[in-house]
Amino acid sequence: MVDTDRIVGTAKEVGGKVQGAAGDFAGSSRDSVEGRFREAQGRAQDAYGQAKDTLRNVADDLSDYAGDAYERGGAYVRDGRRVVGERVEENPLIALLIAGAVGYGLALLLHGRR
């Protein structure tokens, strides 16, 4: 979607060119200078609109990337949960010993040695 600043800026730029050319043709330095000024204003407004469009596109791309990453993360969690569940069912005693060791290690980290 094109930003309205780009449309208005382009219109000002074209109008300024026409006014500047008409001023040059008629020999009116005032119209020529005003036309060049309007042309510069239009060019600046168009550049501002282009910057807004670019930022909007970058934000949309980042949003899409974040959504994809969230979906992939969910798939990894589901796969990991399934694999861990299978391993625990195959070797419940080893899973219990590992869980106890992890719990003991966490307790040491949280409370420290005294």
PDB file of N, CA and C in Angstrom:
ATOM      1  N   MET A   1       0.841  -1.174   0.000  1.00  0.00           N
ATOM      2  CA  MET A   1       0.000   0.000   0.000  1.00  0.00           C
ATOM      3  C   MET A   1       0.888   1.238   0.000  1.00  0.00           C
ATOM      4  N   VAL A   2       0.604   2.158  -0.875  1.00  0.00           N
ATOM      5  CA  VAL A   2       1.401   3.364  -1.001  1.00  0.00           C
ATOM      6  C   VAL A   2       0.920   4.380   0.035  1.00  0.00           C
ATOM      7  N   ASP A   3       1.850   5.000   0.693  1.00  0.00           N
ATOM      8  CA  ASP A   3       1.534   5.995   1.703  1.00  0.00           C
ATOM      9  C   ASP A   3       1.014   7.267   1.031  1.00  0.00           C
ATOM     10  N   THR A   4       0.059   7.950   1.682  1.00  0.00           N
ATOM     11  CA  THR A   4      -0.510   9.176   1.109  1.00  0.00           C
ATOM     12  C   THR A   4       0.530  10.284   0.996  1.00  0.00           C
ATOM     13  N   ASP A   5       1.530  10.275   1.870  1.00  0.00           N
ATOM     14  CA  ASP A   5       2.594  11.279   1.774  1.00  0.00           C
ATOM     15  C   ASP A   5       3.349  11.148   0.453  1.00  0.00           C
ATOM     16  N   ARG A   6       3.472   9.950  -0.036  1.00  0.00           N
ATOM     17  CA  ARG A   6       4.155   9.757  -1.324  1.00  0.00           C
ATOM     18  C   ARG A   6       3.329  10.345  -2.460  1.00  0.00           C
ATOM     19  N   ILE A   7       2.021  10.140  -2.419  1.00  0.00           N
ATOM     20  CA  ILE A   7       1.149  10.649  -3.473  1.00  0.00           C
ATOM     21  C   ILE A   7       1.120  12.180  -3.446  1.00  0.00           C
ATOM     22  N   VAL A   8       0.898  12.745  -2.251  1.00  0.00           N
ATOM     23  CA  VAL A   8       0.843  14.198  -2.117  1.00  0.00           C
ATOM     24  C   VAL A   8       2.199  14.809  -2.455  1.00  0.00           C
ATOM     25  N   GLY A   9       3.263  14.179  -2.006  1.00  0.00           N
ATOM     26  CA  GLY A   9       4.606  14.685  -2.292  1.00  0.00           C
ATOM     27  C   GLY A   9       4.909  14.703  -3.777  1.00  0.00           C
ATOM     28  N   THR A  10       4.526  13.645  -4.458  1.00  0.00           N
ATOM     29  CA  THR A  10       4.754  13.594  -5.908  1.00  0.00           C
ATOM     30  C   THR A  10       3.933  14.664  -6.622  1.00  0.00           C
ATOM     31  N   ALA A  11       2.692  14.859  -6.165  1.00  0.00           N
ATOM     32  CA  ALA A  11       1.850  15.899  -6.775  1.00  0.00           C
ATOM     33  C   ALA A  11       2.460  17.283  -6.552  1.00  0.00           C
ATOM     34  N   LYS A  12       2.955  17.549  -5.345  1.00  0.00           N
ATOM     35  CA  LYS A  12       3.603  18.838  -5.069  1.00  0.00           C
ATOM     36  C   LYS A  12       4.849  19.015  -5.934  1.00  0.00           C
ATOM     37  N   GLU A  13       5.600  17.937  -6.063  1.00  0.00           N
ATOM     38  CA  GLU A  13       6.827  18.010  -6.859  1.00  0.00           C
ATOM     39  C   GLU A  13       6.511  18.348  -8.319  1.00  0.00           C
ATOM     40  N   VAL A  14       5.526  17.667  -8.886  1.00  0.00           N
ATOM     41  CA  VAL A  14       5.148  17.927 -10.273  1.00  0.00           C
ATOM     42  C   VAL A  14       4.597  19.352 -10.414  1.00  0.00           C
ATOM     43  N   GLY A  15       3.734  19.742  -9.461  1.00  0.00           N
ATOM     44  CA  GLY A  15       3.190  21.102  -9.504  1.00  0.00           C
ATOM     45  C   GLY A  15       4.285  22.148  -9.396  1.00  0.00           C
ATOM     46  N   GLY A  16       5.273  21.885  -8.541  1.00  0.00           N
ATOM     47  CA  GLY A  16       6.398  22.812  -8.400  1.00  0.00           C
ATOM     48  C   GLY A  16       7.223  22.902  -9.670  1.00  0.00           C
ATOM     49  N   LYS A  17       7.422  21.761 -10.336  1.00  0.00           N
ATOM     50  CA  LYS A  17       8.169  21.773 -11.606  1.00  0.00           C
ATOM     51  C   LYS A  17       7.441  22.604 -12.655  1.00  0.00           C
ATOM     52  N   VAL A  18       6.110  22.399 -12.708  1.00  0.00           N
ATOM     53  CA  VAL A  18       5.317  23.145 -13.682  1.00  0.00           C
ATOM     54  C   VAL A  18       5.374  24.642 -13.366  1.00  0.00           C
ATOM     55  N   GLN A  19       5.184  24.999 -12.090  1.00  0.00           N
ATOM     56  CA  GLN A  19       5.222  26.406 -11.702  1.00  0.00           C
ATOM     57  C   GLN A  19       6.596  27.012 -11.973  1.00  0.00           C
ATOM     58  N   GLY A  20       7.651  26.265 -11.660  1.00  0.00           N
ATOM     59  CA  GLY A  20       9.005  26.749 -11.914  1.00  0.00           C
ATOM     60  C   GLY A  20       9.269  26.951 -13.394  1.00  0.00           C
ATOM     61  N   ALA A  21       8.827  26.009 -14.214  1.00  0.00           N
ATOM     62  CA  ALA A  21       9.017  26.129 -15.663  1.00  0.00           C
ATOM     63  C   ALA A  21       8.204  27.294 -16.222  1.00  0.00           C
ATOM     64  N   ALA A  22       6.976  27.451 -15.714  1.00  0.00           N
ATOM     65  CA  ALA A  22       6.144  28.571 -16.163  1.00  0.00           C
ATOM     66  C   ALA A  22       6.772  29.893 -15.753  1.00  0.00           C
ATOM     67  N   GLY A  23       7.319  29.949 -14.545  1.00  0.00           N
ATOM     68  CA  GLY A  23       7.994  31.166 -14.091  1.00  0.00           C
ATOM     69  C   GLY A  23       9.215  31.476 -14.935  1.00  0.00           C
ATOM     70  N   ASP A  24       9.965  30.436 -15.282  1.00  0.00           N
ATOM     71  CA  ASP A  24      11.132  30.630 -16.152  1.00  0.00           C
ATOM     72  C   ASP A  24      10.703  31.133 -17.528  1.00  0.00           C
ATOM     73  N   PHE A  25       9.630  30.530 -18.058  1.00  0.00           N
ATOM     74  CA  PHE A  25       9.157  30.902 -19.391  1.00  0.00           C
ATOM     75  C   PHE A  25       8.629  32.338 -19.417  1.00  0.00           C
ATOM     76  N   ALA A  26       7.909  32.704 -18.340  1.00  0.00           N
ATOM     77  CA  ALA A  26       7.320  34.043 -18.283  1.00  0.00           C
ATOM     78  C   ALA A  26       8.317  35.092 -17.796  1.00  0.00           C
ATOM     79  N   GLY A  27       9.436  34.638 -17.290  1.00  0.00           N
ATOM     80  CA  GLY A  27      10.432  35.574 -16.783  1.00  0.00           C
ATOM     81  C   GLY A  27      10.130  36.051 -15.377  1.00  0.00           C
ATOM     82  N   SER A  28       9.282  35.326 -14.664  1.00  0.00           N
ATOM     83  CA  SER A  28       8.918  35.704 -13.295  1.00  0.00           C
ATOM     84  C   SER A  28       9.806  34.937 -12.326  1.00  0.00           C
ATOM     85  N   SER A  29      10.741  35.657 -11.717  1.00  0.00           N
ATOM     86  CA  SER A  29      11.644  34.984 -10.781  1.00  0.00           C
ATOM     87  C   SER A  29      10.892  34.531  -9.527  1.00  0.00           C
ATOM     88  N   ARG A  30       9.833  35.244  -9.145  1.00  0.00           N
ATOM     89  CA  ARG A  30       9.059  34.863  -7.964  1.00  0.00           C
ATOM     90  C   ARG A  30       8.390  33.500  -8.188  1.00  0.00           C
ATOM     91  N   ASP A  31       7.709  33.337  -9.312  1.00  0.00           N
ATOM     92  CA  ASP A  31       7.058  32.055  -9.620  1.00  0.00           C
ATOM     93  C   ASP A  31       8.095  30.941  -9.783  1.00  0.00           C
ATOM     94  N   SER A  32       9.215  31.262 -10.364  1.00  0.00           N
ATOM     95  CA  SER A  32      10.276  30.274 -10.546  1.00  0.00           C
ATOM     96  C   SER A  32      10.800  29.781  -9.205  1.00  0.00           C
ATOM     97  N   VAL A  33      11.054  30.722  -8.276  1.00  0.00           N
ATOM     98  CA  VAL A  33      11.569  30.350  -6.948  1.00  0.00           C
ATOM     99  C   VAL A  33      10.518  29.590  -6.153  1.00  0.00           C
ATOM    100  N   GLU A  34       9.257  30.065  -6.190  1.00  0.00           N
ATOM    101  CA  GLU A  34       8.186  29.358  -5.478  1.00  0.00           C
ATOM    102  C   GLU A  34       8.013  27.944  -6.037  1.00  0.00           C
ATOM    103  N   GLY A  35       8.115  27.804  -7.340  1.00  0.00           N
ATOM    104  CA  GLY A  35       7.993  26.483  -7.962  1.00  0.00           C
ATOM    105  C   GLY A  35       9.104  25.550  -7.523  1.00  0.00           C
ATOM    106  N   ARG A  36      10.318  26.051  -7.482  1.00  0.00           N
ATOM    107  CA  ARG A  36      11.443  25.218  -7.031  1.00  0.00           C
ATOM    108  C   ARG A  36      11.273  24.828  -5.558  1.00  0.00           C
ATOM    109  N   PHE A  37      10.733  25.771  -4.757  1.00  0.00           N
ATOM    110  CA  PHE A  37      10.507  25.485  -3.337  1.00  0.00           C
ATOM    111  C   PHE A  37       9.436  24.407  -3.177  1.00  0.00           C
ATOM    112  N   ARG A  38       8.321  24.534  -3.916  1.00  0.00           N
ATOM    113  CA  ARG A  38       7.270  23.509  -3.862  1.00  0.00           C
ATOM    114  C   ARG A  38       7.797  22.159  -4.340  1.00  0.00           C
ATOM    115  N   GLU A  39       8.640  22.188  -5.342  1.00  0.00           N
ATOM    116  CA  GLU A  39       9.239  20.953  -5.857  1.00  0.00           C
ATOM    117  C   GLU A  39      10.086  20.277  -4.772  1.00  0.00           C
ATOM    118  N   ALA A  40      10.875  21.076  -4.062  1.00  0.00           N
ATOM    119  CA  ALA A  40      11.708  20.529  -2.986  1.00  0.00           C
ATOM    120  C   ALA A  40      10.841  20.007  -1.844  1.00  0.00           C
ATOM    121  N   GLN A  41       9.772  20.733  -1.511  1.00  0.00           N
ATOM    122  CA  GLN A  41       8.857  20.257  -0.473  1.00  0.00           C
ATOM    123  C   GLN A  41       8.238  18.920  -0.874  1.00  0.00           C
ATOM    124  N   GLY A  42       7.822  18.828  -2.113  1.00  0.00           N
ATOM    125  CA  GLY A  42       7.217  17.581  -2.597  1.00  0.00           C
ATOM    126  C   GLY A  42       8.197  16.431  -2.575  1.00  0.00           C
ATOM    127  N   ARG A  43       9.430  16.694  -2.968  1.00  0.00           N
ATOM    128  CA  ARG A  43      10.457  15.652  -2.949  1.00  0.00           C
ATOM    129  C   ARG A  43      10.699  15.161  -1.521  1.00  0.00           C
ATOM    130  N   ALA A  44      10.731  16.110  -0.557  1.00  0.00           N
ATOM    131  CA  ALA A  44      10.949  15.738   0.848  1.00  0.00           C
ATOM    132  C   ALA A  44       9.766  14.936   1.385  1.00  0.00           C
ATOM    133  N   GLN A  45       8.543  15.339   1.051  1.00  0.00           N
ATOM    134  CA  GLN A  45       7.369  14.613   1.523  1.00  0.00           C
ATOM    135  C   GLN A  45       7.318  13.219   0.909  1.00  0.00           C
ATOM    136  N   ASP A  46       7.702  13.100  -0.349  1.00  0.00           N
ATOM    137  CA  ASP A  46       7.752  11.793  -1.001  1.00  0.00           C
ATOM    138  C   ASP A  46       8.785  10.891  -0.313  1.00  0.00           C
ATOM    139  N   ALA A  47       9.932  11.451   0.016  1.00  0.00           N
ATOM    140  CA  ALA A  47      10.970  10.669   0.712  1.00  0.00           C
ATOM    141  C   ALA A  47      10.475  10.220   2.084  1.00  0.00           C
ATOM    142  N   TYR A  48       9.753  11.102   2.770  1.00  0.00           N
ATOM    143  CA  TYR A  48       9.173  10.741   4.072  1.00  0.00           C
ATOM    144  C   TYR A  48       8.187   9.583   3.912  1.00  0.00           C
ATOM    145  N   GLY A  49       7.340   9.653   2.890  1.00  0.00           N
ATOM    146  CA  GLY A  49       6.399   8.557   2.634  1.00  0.00           C
ATOM    147  C   GLY A  49       7.099   7.258   2.289  1.00  0.00           C
ATOM    148  N   GLN A  50       8.196   7.346   1.529  1.00  0.00           N
ATOM    149  CA  GLN A  50       8.966   6.140   1.204  1.00  0.00           C
ATOM    150  C   GLN A  50       9.558   5.529   2.462  1.00  0.00           C
ATOM    151  N   ALA A  51      10.044   6.370   3.371  1.00  0.00           N
ATOM    152  CA  ALA A  51      10.613   5.865   4.623  1.00  0.00           C
ATOM    153  C   ALA A  51       9.537   5.169   5.453  1.00  0.00           C
ATOM    154  N   LYS A  52       8.337   5.763   5.507  1.00  0.00           N
ATOM    155  CA  LYS A  52       7.244   5.127   6.243  1.00  0.00           C
ATOM    156  C   LYS A  52       6.863   3.793   5.625  1.00  0.00           C
ATOM    157  N   ASP A  53       6.806   3.737   4.299  1.00  0.00           N
ATOM    158  CA  ASP A  53       6.498   2.475   3.614  1.00  0.00           C
ATOM    159  C   ASP A  53       7.548   1.413   3.928  1.00  0.00           C
ATOM    160  N   THR A  54       8.804   1.816   3.893  1.00  0.00           N
ATOM    161  CA  THR A  54       9.890   0.875   4.175  1.00  0.00           C
ATOM    162  C   THR A  54       9.790   0.335   5.596  1.00  0.00           C
ATOM    163  N   LEU A  55       9.554   1.215   6.555  1.00  0.00           N
ATOM    164  CA  LEU A  55       9.427   0.771   7.946  1.00  0.00           C
ATOM    165  C   LEU A  55       8.215  -0.135   8.130  1.00  0.00           C
ATOM    166  N   ARG A  56       7.133   0.181   7.450  1.00  0.00           N
ATOM    167  CA  ARG A  56       5.934  -0.660   7.546  1.00  0.00           C
ATOM    168  C   ARG A  56       6.229  -2.057   6.993  1.00  0.00           C
ATOM    169  N   ASN A  57       6.942  -2.121   5.874  1.00  0.00           N
ATOM    170  CA  ASN A  57       7.290  -3.415   5.280  1.00  0.00           C
ATOM    171  C   ASN A  57       8.216  -4.215   6.183  1.00  0.00           C
ATOM    172  N   VAL A  58       9.192  -3.542   6.797  1.00  0.00           N
ATOM    173  CA  VAL A  58      10.102  -4.225   7.721  1.00  0.00           C
ATOM    174  C   VAL A  58       9.329  -4.764   8.917  1.00  0.00           C
ATOM    175  N   ALA A  59       8.413  -3.969   9.451  1.00  0.00           N
ATOM    176  CA  ALA A  59       7.616  -4.418  10.599  1.00  0.00           C
ATOM    177  C   ALA A  59       6.757  -5.626  10.221  1.00  0.00           C
ATOM    178  N   ASP A  60       6.180  -5.599   9.027  1.00  0.00           N
ATOM    179  CA  ASP A  60       5.382  -6.750   8.583  1.00  0.00           C
ATOM    180  C   ASP A  60       6.245  -8.001   8.443  1.00  0.00           C
ATOM    181  N   ASP A  61       7.447  -7.842   7.882  1.00  0.00           N
ATOM    182  CA  ASP A  61       8.354  -8.983   7.731  1.00  0.00           C
ATOM    183  C   ASP A  61       8.756  -9.545   9.088  1.00  0.00           C
ATOM    184  N   LEU A  62       9.050  -8.658  10.046  1.00  0.00           N
ATOM    185  CA  LEU A  62       9.425  -9.113  11.386  1.00  0.00           C
ATOM    186  C   LEU A  62       8.260  -9.826  12.064  1.00  0.00           C
ATOM    187  N   SER A  63       7.069  -9.322  11.860  1.00  0.00           N
ATOM    188  CA  SER A  63       5.896  -9.959  12.445  1.00  0.00           C
ATOM    189  C   SER A  63       5.710 -11.371  11.876  1.00  0.00           C
ATOM    190  N   ASP A  64       5.880 -11.496  10.561  1.00  0.00           N
ATOM    191  CA  ASP A  64       5.775 -12.819   9.942  1.00  0.00           C
ATOM    192  C   ASP A  64       6.848 -13.758  10.470  1.00  0.00           C
ATOM    193  N   TYR A  65       8.069 -13.249  10.609  1.00  0.00           N
ATOM    194  CA  TYR A  65       9.173 -14.068  11.109  1.00  0.00           C
ATOM    195  C   TYR A  65       8.903 -14.518  12.546  1.00  0.00           C
ATOM    196  N   ALA A  66       8.400 -13.606  13.376  1.00  0.00           N
ATOM    197  CA  ALA A  66       8.115 -13.954  14.777  1.00  0.00           C
ATOM    198  C   ALA A  66       7.022 -15.014  14.850  1.00  0.00           C
ATOM    199  N   GLY A  67       6.002 -14.881  14.005  1.00  0.00           N
ATOM    200  CA  GLY A  67       4.935 -15.885  13.991  1.00  0.00           C
ATOM    201  C   GLY A  67       5.449 -17.255  13.575  1.00  0.00           C
ATOM    202  N   ASP A  68       6.303 -17.272  12.567  1.00  0.00           N
ATOM    203  CA  ASP A  68       6.882 -18.544  12.122  1.00  0.00           C
ATOM    204  C   ASP A  68       7.759 -19.154  13.209  1.00  0.00           C
ATOM    205  N   ALA A  69       8.562 -18.324  13.874  1.00  0.00           N
ATOM    206  CA  ALA A  69       9.434 -18.820  14.939  1.00  0.00           C
ATOM    207  C   ALA A  69       8.607 -19.383  16.095  1.00  0.00           C
ATOM    208  N   TYR A  70       7.500 -18.730  16.418  1.00  0.00           N
ATOM    209  CA  TYR A  70       6.623 -19.212  17.491  1.00  0.00           C
ATOM    210  C   TYR A  70       6.036 -20.579  17.133  1.00  0.00           C
ATOM    211  N   GLU A  71       5.595 -20.720  15.884  1.00  0.00           N
ATOM    212  CA  GLU A  71       5.037 -21.999  15.451  1.00  0.00           C
ATOM    213  C   GLU A  71       6.092 -23.108  15.461  1.00  0.00           C
ATOM    214  N   ARG A  72       7.315 -22.786  14.974  1.00  0.00           N
ATOM    215  CA  ARG A  72       8.389 -23.793  14.993  1.00  0.00           C
ATOM    216  C   ARG A  72       8.752 -24.169  16.420  1.00  0.00           C
ATOM    217  N   GLY A  73       8.782 -23.181  17.314  1.00  0.00           N
ATOM    218  CA  GLY A  73       9.098 -23.461  18.713  1.00  0.00           C
ATOM    219  C   GLY A  73       8.081 -24.397  19.336  1.00  0.00           C
ATOM    220  N   GLY A  74       6.808 -24.159  19.028  1.00  0.00           N
ATOM    221  CA  GLY A  74       5.753 -25.040  19.538  1.00  0.00           C
ATOM    222  C   GLY A  74       5.914 -26.455  19.019  1.00  0.00           C
ATOM    223  N   ALA A  75       6.292 -26.593  17.749  1.00  0.00           N
ATOM    224  CA  ALA A  75       6.499 -27.929  17.181  1.00  0.00           C
ATOM    225  C   ALA A  75       7.675 -28.625  17.861  1.00  0.00           C
ATOM    226  N   TYR A  76       8.754 -27.870  18.144  1.00  0.00           N
ATOM    227  CA  TYR A  76       9.911 -28.457  18.825  1.00  0.00           C
ATOM    228  C   TYR A  76       9.546 -28.916  20.234  1.00  0.00           C
ATOM    229  N   VAL A  77       8.738 -28.126  20.922  1.00  0.00           N
ATOM    230  CA  VAL A  77       8.316 -28.508  22.284  1.00  0.00           C
ATOM    231  C   VAL A  77       7.469 -29.774  22.231  1.00  0.00           C
ATOM    232  N   ARG A  78       6.541 -29.839  21.298  1.00  0.00           N
ATOM    233  CA  ARG A  78       5.700 -31.043  21.182  1.00  0.00           C
ATOM    234  C   ARG A  78       6.539 -32.274  20.859  1.00  0.00           C
ATOM    235  N   ASP A  79       7.487 -32.137  19.927  1.00  0.00           N
ATOM    236  CA  ASP A  79       8.348 -33.265  19.582  1.00  0.00           C
ATOM    237  C   ASP A  79       9.212 -33.677  20.760  1.00  0.00           C
ATOM    238  N   GLY A  80       9.765 -32.697  21.466  1.00  0.00           N
ATOM    239  CA  GLY A  80      10.603 -32.992  22.629  1.00  0.00           C
ATOM    240  C   GLY A  80       9.818 -33.683  23.729  1.00  0.00           C
ATOM    241  N   ARG A  81       8.597 -33.211  23.964  1.00  0.00           N
ATOM    242  CA  ARG A  81       7.750 -33.826  24.990  1.00  0.00           C
ATOM    243  C   ARG A  81       7.455 -35.279  24.638  1.00  0.00           C
ATOM    244  N   ARG A  82       7.198 -35.520  23.365  1.00  0.00           N
ATOM    245  CA  ARG A  82       6.903 -36.888  22.925  1.00  0.00           C
ATOM    246  C   ARG A  82       8.116 -37.794  23.112  1.00  0.00           C
ATOM    247  N   VAL A  83       9.299 -37.317  22.715  1.00  0.00           N
ATOM    248  CA  VAL A  83      10.517 -38.123  22.813  1.00  0.00           C
ATOM    249  C   VAL A  83      10.859 -38.401  24.281  1.00  0.00           C
ATOM    250  N   VAL A  84      10.767 -37.371  25.126  1.00  0.00           N
ATOM    251  CA  VAL A  84      11.071 -37.573  26.551  1.00  0.00           C
ATOM    252  C   VAL A  84      10.078 -38.556  27.158  1.00  0.00           C
ATOM    253  N   GLY A  85       8.807 -38.418  26.793  1.00  0.00           N
ATOM    254  CA  GLY A  85       7.801 -39.355  27.308  1.00  0.00           C
ATOM    255  C   GLY A  85       8.109 -40.788  26.916  1.00  0.00           C
ATOM    256  N   GLU A  86       8.554 -40.991  25.680  1.00  0.00           N
ATOM    257  CA  GLU A  86       8.900 -42.343  25.232  1.00  0.00           C
ATOM    258  C   GLU A  86      10.087 -42.890  26.016  1.00  0.00           C
ATOM    259  N   ARG A  87      11.101 -42.057  26.253  1.00  0.00           N
ATOM    260  CA  ARG A  87      12.290 -42.510  26.989  1.00  0.00           C
ATOM    261  C   ARG A  87      11.954 -42.850  28.443  1.00  0.00           C
ATOM    262  N   VAL A  88      11.076 -42.043  29.034  1.00  0.00           N
ATOM    263  CA  VAL A  88      10.678 -42.314  30.424  1.00  0.00           C
ATOM    264  C   VAL A  88       9.908 -43.625  30.498  1.00  0.00           C
ATOM    265  N   GLU A  89       9.055 -43.886  29.529  1.00  0.00           N
ATOM    266  CA  GLU A  89       8.316 -45.147  29.524  1.00  0.00           C
ATOM    267  C   GLU A  89       9.253 -46.340  29.334  1.00  0.00           C
ATOM    268  N   GLU A  90      10.311 -46.162  28.523  1.00  0.00           N
ATOM    269  CA  GLU A  90      11.251 -47.251  28.281  1.00  0.00           C
ATOM    270  C   GLU A  90      12.127 -47.518  29.508  1.00  0.00           C
ATOM    271  N   ASN A  91      12.559 -46.480  30.219  1.00  0.00           N
ATOM    272  CA  ASN A  91      13.478 -46.618  31.355  1.00  0.00           C
ATOM    273  C   ASN A  91      13.015 -45.746  32.526  1.00  0.00           C
ATOM    274  N   PRO A  92      11.989 -46.170  33.248  1.00  0.00           N
ATOM    275  CA  PRO A  92      11.451 -45.324  34.317  1.00  0.00           C
ATOM    276  C   PRO A  92      12.439 -45.130  35.477  1.00  0.00           C
ATOM    277  N   LEU A  93      13.253 -46.123  35.798  1.00  0.00           N
ATOM    278  CA  LEU A  93      14.189 -46.012  36.918  1.00  0.00           C
ATOM    279  C   LEU A  93      15.283 -44.976  36.614  1.00  0.00           C
ATOM    280  N   ILE A  94      15.825 -45.027  35.420  1.00  0.00           N
ATOM    281  CA  ILE A  94      16.860 -44.054  35.030  1.00  0.00           C
ATOM    282  C   ILE A  94      16.266 -42.646  35.005  1.00  0.00           C
ATOM    283  N   ALA A  95      15.030 -42.502  34.518  1.00  0.00           N
ATOM    284  CA  ALA A  95      14.373 -41.193  34.489  1.00  0.00           C
ATOM    285  C   ALA A  95      14.183 -40.656  35.900  1.00  0.00           C
ATOM    286  N   LEU A  96      13.830 -41.525  36.834  1.00  0.00           N
ATOM    287  CA  LEU A  96      13.655 -41.114  38.224  1.00  0.00           C
ATOM    288  C   LEU A  96      14.980 -40.674  38.836  1.00  0.00           C
ATOM    289  N   LEU A  97      16.060 -41.401  38.567  1.00  0.00           N
ATOM    290  CA  LEU A  97      17.372 -41.018  39.092  1.00  0.00           C
ATOM    291  C   LEU A  97      17.842 -39.677  38.496  1.00  0.00           C
ATOM    292  N   ILE A  98      17.618 -39.480  37.212  1.00  0.00           N
ATOM    293  CA  ILE A  98      18.005 -38.217  36.572  1.00  0.00           C
ATOM    294  C   ILE A  98      17.192 -37.061  37.163  1.00  0.00           C
ATOM    295  N   ALA A  99      15.886 -37.251  37.340  1.00  0.00           N
ATOM    296  CA  ALA A  99      15.047 -36.199  37.910  1.00  0.00           C
ATOM    297  C   ALA A  99      15.488 -35.871  39.328  1.00  0.00           C
ATOM    298  N   GLY A 100      15.855 -36.895  40.115  1.00  0.00           N
ATOM    299  CA  GLY A 100      16.334 -36.656  41.480  1.00  0.00           C
ATOM    300  C   GLY A 100      17.644 -35.882  41.483  1.00  0.00           C
ATOM    301  N   ALA A 101      18.567 -36.229  40.565  1.00  0.00           N
ATOM    302  CA  ALA A 101      19.847 -35.524  40.486  1.00  0.00           C
ATOM    303  C   ALA A 101      19.656 -34.069  40.069  1.00  0.00           C
ATOM    304  N   VAL A 102      18.775 -33.833  39.138  1.00  0.00           N
ATOM    305  CA  VAL A 102      18.499 -32.458  38.710  1.00  0.00           C
ATOM    306  C   VAL A 102      17.871 -31.673  39.859  1.00  0.00           C
ATOM    307  N   GLY A 103      16.950 -32.275  40.573  1.00  0.00           N
ATOM    308  CA  GLY A 103      16.319 -31.604  41.719  1.00  0.00           C
ATOM    309  C   GLY A 103      17.340 -31.281  42.802  1.00  0.00           C
ATOM    310  N   TYR A 104      18.230 -32.205  43.086  1.00  0.00           N
ATOM    311  CA  TYR A 104      19.262 -31.971  44.096  1.00  0.00           C
ATOM    312  C   TYR A 104      20.195 -30.836  43.656  1.00  0.00           C
ATOM    313  N   GLY A 105      20.575 -30.840  42.368  1.00  0.00           N
ATOM    314  CA  GLY A 105      21.439 -29.774  41.858  1.00  0.00           C
ATOM    315  C   GLY A 105      20.771 -28.409  41.935  1.00  0.00           C
ATOM    316  N   LEU A 106      19.503 -28.359  41.618  1.00  0.00           N
ATOM    317  CA  LEU A 106      18.773 -27.093  41.716  1.00  0.00           C
ATOM    318  C   LEU A 106      18.678 -26.623  43.166  1.00  0.00           C
ATOM    319  N   ALA A 107      18.461 -27.555  44.082  1.00  0.00           N
ATOM    320  CA  ALA A 107      18.399 -27.184  45.500  1.00  0.00           C
ATOM    321  C   ALA A 107      19.732 -26.604  45.964  1.00  0.00           C
ATOM    322  N   LEU A 108      20.841 -27.189  45.516  1.00  0.00           N
ATOM    323  CA  LEU A 108      22.154 -26.652  45.884  1.00  0.00           C
ATOM    324  C   LEU A 108      22.357 -25.249  45.315  1.00  0.00           C
ATOM    325  N   LEU A 109      21.919 -25.054  44.104  1.00  0.00           N
ATOM    326  CA  LEU A 109      22.064 -23.724  43.492  1.00  0.00           C
ATOM    327  C   LEU A 109      21.227 -22.680  44.204  1.00  0.00           C
ATOM    328  N   LEU A 110      20.017 -23.047  44.580  1.00  0.00           N
ATOM    329  CA  LEU A 110      19.121 -22.072  45.190  1.00  0.00           C
ATOM    330  C   LEU A 110      19.487 -21.763  46.639  1.00  0.00           C
ATOM    331  N   HIS A 111      19.895 -22.755  47.396  1.00  0.00           N
ATOM    332  CA  HIS A 111      20.170 -22.553  48.818  1.00  0.00           C
ATOM    333  C   HIS A 111      21.647 -22.431  49.137  1.00  0.00           C
ATOM    334  N   GLY A 112      22.485 -22.873  48.243  1.00  0.00           N
ATOM    335  CA  GLY A 112      23.929 -22.793  48.478  1.00  0.00           C
ATOM    336  C   GLY A 112      24.379 -23.766  49.563  1.00  0.00           C
ATOM    337  N   ARG A 113      25.670 -23.928  49.661  1.00  0.00           N
ATOM    338  CA  ARG A 113      26.205 -24.809  50.703  1.00  0.00           C
ATOM    339  C   ARG A 113      26.487 -24.012  51.965  1.00  0.00           C
ATOM    340  N   ARG A 114      26.154 -24.565  53.101  1.00  0.00           N
ATOM    341  CA  ARG A 114      26.358 -23.849  54.367  1.00  0.00           C
ATOM    342  C   ARG A 114      27.206 -24.670  55.286  1.00  0.00           C
TER     343      ARG A 114
END
